[in-house]
């Protein structure tokens, strides 16, 4: 993801800065998706694995990145509290 773009992106719900989700967080997220336990904010299950994602500064909300384009829709965000093994920092 382009660093200049990342510097200006914020969470549309909380206005917190966003950062790239690290490998450990991505692994935990994809494990929850595979188990069928990862739900988006709109209540729908996340359909497929995530290859790249952005996370809020407080690590409470994840936004997927599709083909290099961040999907910054609050209803499509995934809350990390529902993922038991999600790394805190």
PDB file of N, CA and C in Angstrom:
ATOM      1  N   UNK A   1       0.840  -1.175   0.000  1.00  0.00           N
ATOM      2  CA  UNK A   1       0.000   0.000   0.000  1.00  0.00           C
ATOM      3  C   UNK A   1       0.889   1.243   0.000  1.00  0.00           C
ATOM      4  N   UNK A   2       0.477   2.232  -0.733  1.00  0.00           N
ATOM      5  CA  UNK A   2       1.233   3.471  -0.860  1.00  0.00           C
ATOM      6  C   UNK A   2       1.326   4.182   0.485  1.00  0.00           C
ATOM      7  N   UNK A   3       2.529   4.509   0.907  1.00  0.00           N
ATOM      8  CA  UNK A   3       2.767   5.137   2.216  1.00  0.00           C
ATOM      9  C   UNK A   3       2.079   6.498   2.323  1.00  0.00           C
ATOM     10  N   UNK A   4       2.061   7.277   1.256  1.00  0.00           N
ATOM     11  CA  UNK A   4       1.405   8.592   1.283  1.00  0.00           C
ATOM     12  C   UNK A   4      -0.087   8.433   1.553  1.00  0.00           C
ATOM     13  N   UNK A   5      -0.705   7.443   0.907  1.00  0.00           N
ATOM     14  CA  UNK A   5      -2.119   7.193   1.123  1.00  0.00           C
ATOM     15  C   UNK A   5      -2.364   6.737   2.555  1.00  0.00           C
ATOM     16  N   UNK A   6      -1.539   5.848   3.041  1.00  0.00           N
ATOM     17  CA  UNK A   6      -1.693   5.332   4.395  1.00  0.00           C
ATOM     18  C   UNK A   6      -1.590   6.453   5.429  1.00  0.00           C
ATOM     19  N   UNK A   7      -0.746   7.430   5.174  1.00  0.00           N
ATOM     20  CA  UNK A   7      -0.571   8.549   6.107  1.00  0.00           C
ATOM     21  C   UNK A   7      -1.824   9.397   6.277  1.00  0.00           C
ATOM     22  N   UNK A   8      -2.705   9.426   5.286  1.00  0.00           N
ATOM     23  CA  UNK A   8      -3.884  10.287   5.384  1.00  0.00           C
ATOM     24  C   UNK A   8      -5.174   9.522   5.700  1.00  0.00           C
ATOM     25  N   UNK A   9      -5.124   8.200   5.673  1.00  0.00           N
ATOM     26  CA  UNK A   9      -6.328   7.413   5.931  1.00  0.00           C
ATOM     27  C   UNK A   9      -6.656   7.358   7.423  1.00  0.00           C
ATOM     28  N   UNK A  10      -7.946   7.469   7.727  1.00  0.00           N
ATOM     29  CA  UNK A  10      -8.422   7.335   9.104  1.00  0.00           C
ATOM     30  C   UNK A  10      -9.669   6.454   9.102  1.00  0.00           C
ATOM     31  N   UNK A  11      -9.978   5.908  10.257  1.00  0.00           N
ATOM     32  CA  UNK A  11     -11.190   5.110  10.421  1.00  0.00           C
ATOM     33  C   UNK A  11     -12.393   6.044  10.263  1.00  0.00           C
ATOM     34  N   UNK A  12     -13.348   5.691   9.423  1.00  0.00           N
ATOM     35  CA  UNK A  12     -14.514   6.558   9.230  1.00  0.00           C
ATOM     36  C   UNK A  12     -15.415   6.641  10.465  1.00  0.00           C
ATOM     37  N   UNK A  13     -15.326   5.668  11.370  1.00  0.00           N
ATOM     38  CA  UNK A  13     -16.170   5.674  12.568  1.00  0.00           C
ATOM     39  C   UNK A  13     -15.527   6.453  13.718  1.00  0.00           C
ATOM     40  N   UNK A  14     -14.258   6.186  13.977  1.00  0.00           N
ATOM     41  CA  UNK A  14     -13.596   6.772  15.151  1.00  0.00           C
ATOM     42  C   UNK A  14     -12.615   7.895  14.819  1.00  0.00           C
ATOM     43  N   UNK A  15     -12.270   8.025  13.556  1.00  0.00           N
ATOM     44  CA  UNK A  15     -11.284   9.005  13.079  1.00  0.00           C
ATOM     45  C   UNK A  15      -9.864   8.713  13.580  1.00  0.00           C
ATOM     46  N   UNK A  16      -9.639   7.491  14.019  1.00  0.00           N
ATOM     47  CA  UNK A  16      -8.296   7.087  14.434  1.00  0.00           C
ATOM     48  C   UNK A  16      -7.448   6.806  13.212  1.00  0.00           C
ATOM     49  N   UNK A  17      -6.138   7.020  13.318  1.00  0.00           N
ATOM     50  CA  UNK A  17      -5.259   6.660  12.202  1.00  0.00           C
ATOM     51  C   UNK A  17      -5.281   5.149  11.964  1.00  0.00           C
ATOM     52  N   UNK A  18      -4.984   4.771  10.731  1.00  0.00           N
ATOM     53  CA  UNK A  18      -4.944   3.363  10.347  1.00  0.00           C
ATOM     54  C   UNK A  18      -3.518   2.946  10.030  1.00  0.00           C
ATOM     55  N   UNK A  19      -3.228   1.677  10.267  1.00  0.00           N
ATOM     56  CA  UNK A  19      -1.919   1.105   9.952  1.00  0.00           C
ATOM     57  C   UNK A  19      -2.144  -0.239   9.292  1.00  0.00           C
ATOM     58  N   UNK A  20      -1.138  -0.724   8.593  1.00  0.00           N
ATOM     59  CA  UNK A  20      -1.231  -2.062   8.005  1.00  0.00           C
ATOM     60  C   UNK A  20      -1.286  -3.107   9.111  1.00  0.00           C
ATOM     61  N   UNK A  21      -2.156  -4.069   8.957  1.00  0.00           N
ATOM     62  CA  UNK A  21      -2.267  -5.153   9.926  1.00  0.00           C
ATOM     63  C   UNK A  21      -1.061  -6.068   9.775  1.00  0.00           C
ATOM     64  N   UNK A  22      -0.429  -6.400  10.896  1.00  0.00           N
ATOM     65  CA  UNK A  22       0.759  -7.252  10.872  1.00  0.00           C
ATOM     66  C   UNK A  22       0.393  -8.702  10.577  1.00  0.00           C
ATOM     67  N   UNK A  23       1.409  -9.521  10.336  1.00  0.00           N
ATOM     68  CA  UNK A  23       1.204 -10.918   9.939  1.00  0.00           C
ATOM     69  C   UNK A  23       0.473 -11.716  11.017  1.00  0.00           C
ATOM     70  N   UNK A  24       0.805 -11.493  12.287  1.00  0.00           N
ATOM     71  CA  UNK A  24       0.151 -12.230  13.373  1.00  0.00           C
ATOM     72  C   UNK A  24      -1.337 -11.892  13.436  1.00  0.00           C
ATOM     73  N   UNK A  25      -1.664 -10.622  13.269  1.00  0.00           N
ATOM     74  CA  UNK A  25      -3.062 -10.210  13.266  1.00  0.00           C
ATOM     75  C   UNK A  25      -3.811 -10.763  12.068  1.00  0.00           C
ATOM     76  N   UNK A  26      -3.154 -10.760  10.923  1.00  0.00           N
ATOM     77  CA  UNK A  26      -3.764 -11.290   9.703  1.00  0.00           C
ATOM     78  C   UNK A  26      -4.016 -12.794   9.837  1.00  0.00           C
ATOM     79  N   UNK A  27      -3.072 -13.513  10.437  1.00  0.00           N
ATOM     80  CA  UNK A  27      -3.250 -14.958  10.656  1.00  0.00           C
ATOM     81  C   UNK A  27      -4.428 -15.238  11.587  1.00  0.00           C
ATOM     82  N   UNK A  28      -4.528 -14.485  12.676  1.00  0.00           N
ATOM     83  CA  UNK A  28      -5.632 -14.669  13.630  1.00  0.00           C
ATOM     84  C   UNK A  28      -6.968 -14.334  12.968  1.00  0.00           C
ATOM     85  N   UNK A  29      -6.997 -13.269  12.190  1.00  0.00           N
ATOM     86  CA  UNK A  29      -8.209 -12.866  11.488  1.00  0.00           C
ATOM     87  C   UNK A  29      -8.650 -13.950  10.503  1.00  0.00           C
ATOM     88  N   UNK A  30      -7.726 -14.439   9.704  1.00  0.00           N
ATOM     89  CA  UNK A  30      -8.061 -15.462   8.711  1.00  0.00           C
ATOM     90  C   UNK A  30      -8.450 -16.798   9.351  1.00  0.00           C
ATOM     91  N   UNK A  31      -7.890 -17.106  10.510  1.00  0.00           N
ATOM     92  CA  UNK A  31      -8.296 -18.319  11.224  1.00  0.00           C
ATOM     93  C   UNK A  31      -9.754 -18.188  11.680  1.00  0.00           C
ATOM     94  N   UNK A  32     -10.127 -17.000  12.167  1.00  0.00           N
ATOM     95  CA  UNK A  32     -11.513 -16.768  12.593  1.00  0.00           C
ATOM     96  C   UNK A  32     -12.461 -16.794  11.391  1.00  0.00           C
ATOM     97  N   UNK A  33     -12.018 -16.260  10.265  1.00  0.00           N
ATOM     98  CA  UNK A  33     -12.842 -16.285   9.049  1.00  0.00           C
ATOM     99  C   UNK A  33     -13.056 -17.739   8.609  1.00  0.00           C
ATOM    100  N   UNK A  34     -11.985 -18.532   8.620  1.00  0.00           N
ATOM    101  CA  UNK A  34     -12.082 -19.943   8.218  1.00  0.00           C
ATOM    102  C   UNK A  34     -13.009 -20.726   9.144  1.00  0.00           C
ATOM    103  N   UNK A  35     -13.022 -20.352  10.418  1.00  0.00           N
ATOM    104  CA  UNK A  35     -13.884 -21.029  11.389  1.00  0.00           C
ATOM    105  C   UNK A  35     -15.330 -20.535  11.315  1.00  0.00           C
ATOM    106  N   UNK A  36     -15.543 -19.471  10.548  1.00  0.00           N
ATOM    107  CA  UNK A  36     -16.893 -18.926  10.408  1.00  0.00           C
ATOM    108  C   UNK A  36     -17.323 -18.024  11.541  1.00  0.00           C
ATOM    109  N   UNK A  37     -16.360 -17.595  12.365  1.00  0.00           N
ATOM    110  CA  UNK A  37     -16.712 -16.783  13.532  1.00  0.00           C
ATOM    111  C   UNK A  37     -16.443 -15.291  13.363  1.00  0.00           C
ATOM    112  N   UNK A  38     -15.893 -14.881  12.246  1.00  0.00           N
ATOM    113  CA  UNK A  38     -15.612 -13.458  12.021  1.00  0.00           C
ATOM    114  C   UNK A  38     -16.818 -12.802  11.356  1.00  0.00           C
ATOM    115  N   UNK A  39     -17.410 -11.874  12.056  1.00  0.00           N
ATOM    116  CA  UNK A  39     -18.570 -11.146  11.544  1.00  0.00           C
ATOM    117  C   UNK A  39     -18.202  -9.692  11.308  1.00  0.00           C
ATOM    118  N   UNK A  40     -18.749  -9.156  10.225  1.00  0.00           N
ATOM    119  CA  UNK A  40     -18.562  -7.739   9.942  1.00  0.00           C
ATOM    120  C   UNK A  40     -19.503  -6.932  10.830  1.00  0.00           C
ATOM    121  N   UNK A  41     -19.323  -5.634  10.841  1.00  0.00           N
ATOM    122  CA  UNK A  41     -20.166  -4.753  11.649  1.00  0.00           C
ATOM    123  C   UNK A  41     -21.635  -4.864  11.260  1.00  0.00           C
ATOM    124  N   UNK A  42     -21.930  -5.195  10.009  1.00  0.00           N
ATOM    125  CA  UNK A  42     -23.325  -5.318   9.570  1.00  0.00           C
ATOM    126  C   UNK A  42     -23.942  -6.673   9.932  1.00  0.00           C
ATOM    127  N   UNK A  43     -23.167  -7.525  10.622  1.00  0.00           N
ATOM    128  CA  UNK A  43     -23.663  -8.819  11.061  1.00  0.00           C
ATOM    129  C   UNK A  43     -23.412  -9.968  10.095  1.00  0.00           C
ATOM    130  N   UNK A  44     -22.993  -9.660   8.888  1.00  0.00           N
ATOM    131  CA  UNK A  44     -22.717 -10.701   7.896  1.00  0.00           C
ATOM    132  C   UNK A  44     -21.353 -11.333   8.170  1.00  0.00           C
ATOM    133  N   UNK A  45     -21.244 -12.606   7.830  1.00  0.00           N
ATOM    134  CA  UNK A  45     -19.953 -13.296   7.962  1.00  0.00           C
ATOM    135  C   UNK A  45     -19.016 -12.810   6.862  1.00  0.00           C
ATOM    136  N   UNK A  46     -17.737 -12.679   7.185  1.00  0.00           N
ATOM    137  CA  UNK A  46     -16.740 -12.340   6.165  1.00  0.00           C
ATOM    138  C   UNK A  46     -16.603 -13.549   5.257  1.00  0.00           C
ATOM    139  N   UNK A  47     -16.811 -13.357   3.973  1.00  0.00           N
ATOM    140  CA  UNK A  47     -16.909 -14.465   3.024  1.00  0.00           C
ATOM    141  C   UNK A  47     -15.597 -15.206   2.779  1.00  0.00           C
ATOM    142  N   UNK A  48     -14.516 -14.502   2.606  1.00  0.00           N
ATOM    143  CA  UNK A  48     -13.273 -15.169   2.250  1.00  0.00           C
ATOM    144  C   UNK A  48     -12.093 -14.602   3.013  1.00  0.00           C
ATOM    145  N   UNK A  49     -10.944 -15.232   2.880  1.00  0.00           N
ATOM    146  CA  UNK A  49      -9.758 -14.759   3.592  1.00  0.00           C
ATOM    147  C   UNK A  49      -9.338 -13.366   3.133  1.00  0.00           C
ATOM    148  N   UNK A  50      -8.635 -12.702   4.024  1.00  0.00           N
ATOM    149  CA  UNK A  50      -8.160 -11.342   3.779  1.00  0.00           C
ATOM    150  C   UNK A  50      -6.660 -11.401   3.513  1.00  0.00           C
ATOM    151  N   UNK A  51      -6.225 -10.822   2.411  1.00  0.00           N
ATOM    152  CA  UNK A  51      -4.791 -10.838   2.065  1.00  0.00           C
ATOM    153  C   UNK A  51      -4.051  -9.644   2.647  1.00  0.00           C
ATOM    154  N   UNK A  52      -4.763  -8.536   2.809  1.00  0.00           N
ATOM    155  CA  UNK A  52      -4.161  -7.313   3.340  1.00  0.00           C
ATOM    156  C   UNK A  52      -5.260  -6.554   4.063  1.00  0.00           C
ATOM    157  N   UNK A  53      -4.906  -5.877   5.161  1.00  0.00           N
ATOM    158  CA  UNK A  53      -5.918  -5.152   5.922  1.00  0.00           C
ATOM    159  C   UNK A  53      -5.289  -3.981   6.660  1.00  0.00           C
ATOM    160  N   UNK A  54      -6.160  -3.057   7.045  1.00  0.00           N
ATOM    161  CA  UNK A  54      -5.762  -1.910   7.860  1.00  0.00           C
ATOM    162  C   UNK A  54      -6.422  -2.055   9.220  1.00  0.00           C
ATOM    163  N   UNK A  55      -5.752  -1.573  10.248  1.00  0.00           N
ATOM    164  CA  UNK A  55      -6.280  -1.673  11.606  1.00  0.00           C
ATOM    165  C   UNK A  55      -6.225  -0.304  12.273  1.00  0.00           C
ATOM    166  N   UNK A  56      -7.209  -0.040  13.126  1.00  0.00           N
ATOM    167  CA  UNK A  56      -7.230   1.225  13.844  1.00  0.00           C
ATOM    168  C   UNK A  56      -6.129   1.256  14.898  1.00  0.00           C
ATOM    169  N   UNK A  57      -5.798   2.446  15.343  1.00  0.00           N
ATOM    170  CA  UNK A  57      -4.732   2.628  16.332  1.00  0.00           C
ATOM    171  C   UNK A  57      -5.011   1.849  17.621  1.00  0.00           C
ATOM    172  N   UNK A  58      -6.275   1.766  18.038  1.00  0.00           N
ATOM    173  CA  UNK A  58      -6.614   1.038  19.261  1.00  0.00           C
ATOM    174  C   UNK A  58      -6.802  -0.464  19.025  1.00  0.00           C
ATOM    175  N   UNK A  59      -6.629  -0.908  17.777  1.00  0.00           N
ATOM    176  CA  UNK A  59      -6.692  -2.315  17.370  1.00  0.00           C
ATOM    177  C   UNK A  59      -8.077  -2.938  17.595  1.00  0.00           C
ATOM    178  N   UNK A  60      -9.120  -2.140  17.505  1.00  0.00           N
ATOM    179  CA  UNK A  60     -10.476  -2.648  17.715  1.00  0.00           C
ATOM    180  C   UNK A  60     -11.235  -2.927  16.426  1.00  0.00           C
ATOM    181  N   UNK A  61     -10.775  -2.381  15.306  1.00  0.00           N
ATOM    182  CA  UNK A  61     -11.525  -2.513  14.045  1.00  0.00           C
ATOM    183  C   UNK A  61     -10.543  -2.722  12.897  1.00  0.00           C
ATOM    184  N   UNK A  62     -10.880  -3.692  12.019  1.00  0.00           N
ATOM    185  CA  UNK A  62     -10.055  -4.016  10.858  1.00  0.00           C
ATOM    186  C   UNK A  62     -10.847  -3.737   9.581  1.00  0.00           C
ATOM    187  N   UNK A  63     -10.180  -3.125   8.623  1.00  0.00           N
ATOM    188  CA  UNK A  63     -10.760  -2.879   7.298  1.00  0.00           C
ATOM    189  C   UNK A  63      -9.930  -3.639   6.278  1.00  0.00           C
ATOM    190  N   UNK A  64     -10.580  -4.434   5.448  1.00  0.00           N
ATOM    191  CA  UNK A  64      -9.839  -5.198   4.439  1.00  0.00           C
ATOM    192  C   UNK A  64      -9.391  -4.272   3.302  1.00  0.00           C
ATOM    193  N   UNK A  65      -8.378  -4.731   2.594  1.00  0.00           N
ATOM    194  CA  UNK A  65      -7.871  -4.038   1.412  1.00  0.00           C
ATOM    195  C   UNK A  65      -8.032  -4.998   0.244  1.00  0.00           C
ATOM    196  N   UNK A  66      -8.823  -4.611  -0.742  1.00  0.00           N
ATOM    197  CA  UNK A  66      -9.069  -5.448  -1.919  1.00  0.00           C
ATOM    198  C   UNK A  66      -8.290  -4.906  -3.111  1.00  0.00           C
ATOM    199  N   UNK A  67      -7.361  -5.691  -3.619  1.00  0.00           N
ATOM    200  CA  UNK A  67      -6.560  -5.292  -4.788  1.00  0.00           C
ATOM    201  C   UNK A  67      -5.924  -3.920  -4.610  1.00  0.00           C
ATOM    202  N   UNK A  68      -5.410  -3.653  -3.415  1.00  0.00           N
ATOM    203  CA  UNK A  68      -4.742  -2.387  -3.128  1.00  0.00           C
ATOM    204  C   UNK A  68      -5.674  -1.240  -2.783  1.00  0.00           C
ATOM    205  N   UNK A  69      -6.981  -1.500  -2.732  1.00  0.00           N
ATOM    206  CA  UNK A  69      -7.955  -0.445  -2.447  1.00  0.00           C
ATOM    207  C   UNK A  69      -8.577  -0.706  -1.076  1.00  0.00           C
ATOM    208  N   UNK A  70      -8.379   0.205  -0.116  1.00  0.00           N
ATOM    209  CA  UNK A  70      -8.975   0.027   1.210  1.00  0.00           C
ATOM    210  C   UNK A  70     -10.499   0.136   1.146  1.00  0.00           C
ATOM    211  N   UNK A  71     -11.172  -0.801   1.787  1.00  0.00           N
ATOM    212  CA  UNK A  71     -12.637  -0.790   1.861  1.00  0.00           C
ATOM    213  C   UNK A  71     -13.001  -0.151   3.205  1.00  0.00           C
ATOM    214  N   UNK A  72     -13.148   1.164   3.197  1.00  0.00           N
ATOM    215  CA  UNK A  72     -13.369   1.913   4.434  1.00  0.00           C
ATOM    216  C   UNK A  72     -14.854   2.179   4.666  1.00  0.00           C
ATOM    217  N   UNK A  73     -15.627   1.119   4.672  1.00  0.00           N
ATOM    218  CA  UNK A  73     -17.045   1.190   4.984  1.00  0.00           C
ATOM    219  C   UNK A  73     -17.231   0.622   6.383  1.00  0.00           C
ATOM    220  N   UNK A  74     -17.812   1.408   7.286  1.00  0.00           N
ATOM    221  CA  UNK A  74     -17.966   0.972   8.672  1.00  0.00           C
ATOM    222  C   UNK A  74     -18.704  -0.357   8.752  1.00  0.00           C
ATOM    223  N   UNK A  75     -19.742  -0.528   7.932  1.00  0.00           N
ATOM    224  CA  UNK A  75     -20.530  -1.764   7.997  1.00  0.00           C
ATOM    225  C   UNK A  75     -19.739  -2.993   7.536  1.00  0.00           C
ATOM    226  N   UNK A  76     -18.631  -2.803   6.836  1.00  0.00           N
ATOM    227  CA  UNK A  76     -17.819  -3.937   6.388  1.00  0.00           C
ATOM    228  C   UNK A  76     -16.560  -4.143   7.237  1.00  0.00           C
ATOM    229  N   UNK A  77     -16.394  -3.319   8.260  1.00  0.00           N
ATOM    230  CA  UNK A  77     -15.272  -3.492   9.176  1.00  0.00           C
ATOM    231  C   UNK A  77     -15.488  -4.746  10.016  1.00  0.00           C
ATOM    232  N   UNK A  78     -14.411  -5.309  10.510  1.00  0.00           N
ATOM    233  CA  UNK A  78     -14.473  -6.495  11.366  1.00  0.00           C
ATOM    234  C   UNK A  78     -13.927  -6.103  12.733  1.00  0.00           C
ATOM    235  N   UNK A  79     -14.747  -6.273  13.756  1.00  0.00           N
ATOM    236  CA  UNK A  79     -14.309  -5.984  15.119  1.00  0.00           C
ATOM    237  C   UNK A  79     -13.370  -7.066  15.627  1.00  0.00           C
ATOM    238  N   UNK A  80     -12.296  -6.658  16.262  1.00  0.00           N
ATOM    239  CA  UNK A  80     -11.299  -7.631  16.715  1.00  0.00           C
ATOM    240  C   UNK A  80     -11.661  -8.280  18.051  1.00  0.00           C
ATOM    241  N   UNK A  81     -12.606  -7.709  18.799  1.00  0.00           N
ATOM    242  CA  UNK A  81     -12.988  -8.275  20.098  1.00  0.00           C
ATOM    243  C   UNK A  81     -13.568  -9.679  19.949  1.00  0.00           C
ATOM    244  N   UNK A  82     -14.137  -9.988  18.791  1.00  0.00           N
ATOM    245  CA  UNK A  82     -14.741 -11.303  18.552  1.00  0.00           C
ATOM    246  C   UNK A  82     -13.719 -12.380  18.191  1.00  0.00           C
ATOM    247  N   UNK A  83     -12.473 -11.991  18.016  1.00  0.00           N
ATOM    248  CA  UNK A  83     -11.423 -12.932  17.604  1.00  0.00           C
ATOM    249  C   UNK A  83     -10.571 -13.253  18.833  1.00  0.00           C
ATOM    250  N   UNK A  84     -10.733 -14.444  19.409  1.00  0.00           N
ATOM    251  CA  UNK A  84     -10.083 -14.760  20.697  1.00  0.00           C
ATOM    252  C   UNK A  84      -8.563 -14.665  20.682  1.00  0.00           C
ATOM    253  N   UNK A  85      -7.911 -15.065  19.614  1.00  0.00           N
ATOM    254  CA  UNK A  85      -6.443 -15.078  19.583  1.00  0.00           C
ATOM    255  C   UNK A  85      -5.849 -13.827  18.925  1.00  0.00           C
ATOM    256  N   UNK A  86      -6.639 -12.781  18.779  1.00  0.00           N
ATOM    257  CA  UNK A  86      -6.136 -11.584  18.097  1.00  0.00           C
ATOM    258  C   UNK A  86      -5.096 -10.894  18.971  1.00  0.00           C
ATOM    259  N   UNK A  87      -3.904 -10.636  18.422  1.00  0.00           N
ATOM    260  CA  UNK A  87      -2.840 -10.008  19.211  1.00  0.00           C
ATOM    261  C   UNK A  87      -3.212  -8.578  19.614  1.00  0.00           C
ATOM    262  N   UNK A  88      -2.916  -8.238  20.847  1.00  0.00           N
ATOM    263  CA  UNK A  88      -3.253  -6.909  21.371  1.00  0.00           C
ATOM    264  C   UNK A  88      -2.323  -5.823  20.856  1.00  0.00           C
ATOM    265  N   UNK A  89      -1.084  -6.140  20.632  1.00  0.00           N
ATOM    266  CA  UNK A  89      -0.149  -5.121  20.126  1.00  0.00           C
ATOM    267  C   UNK A  89       1.002  -5.751  19.395  1.00  0.00           C
TER     268      UNK A  89
END
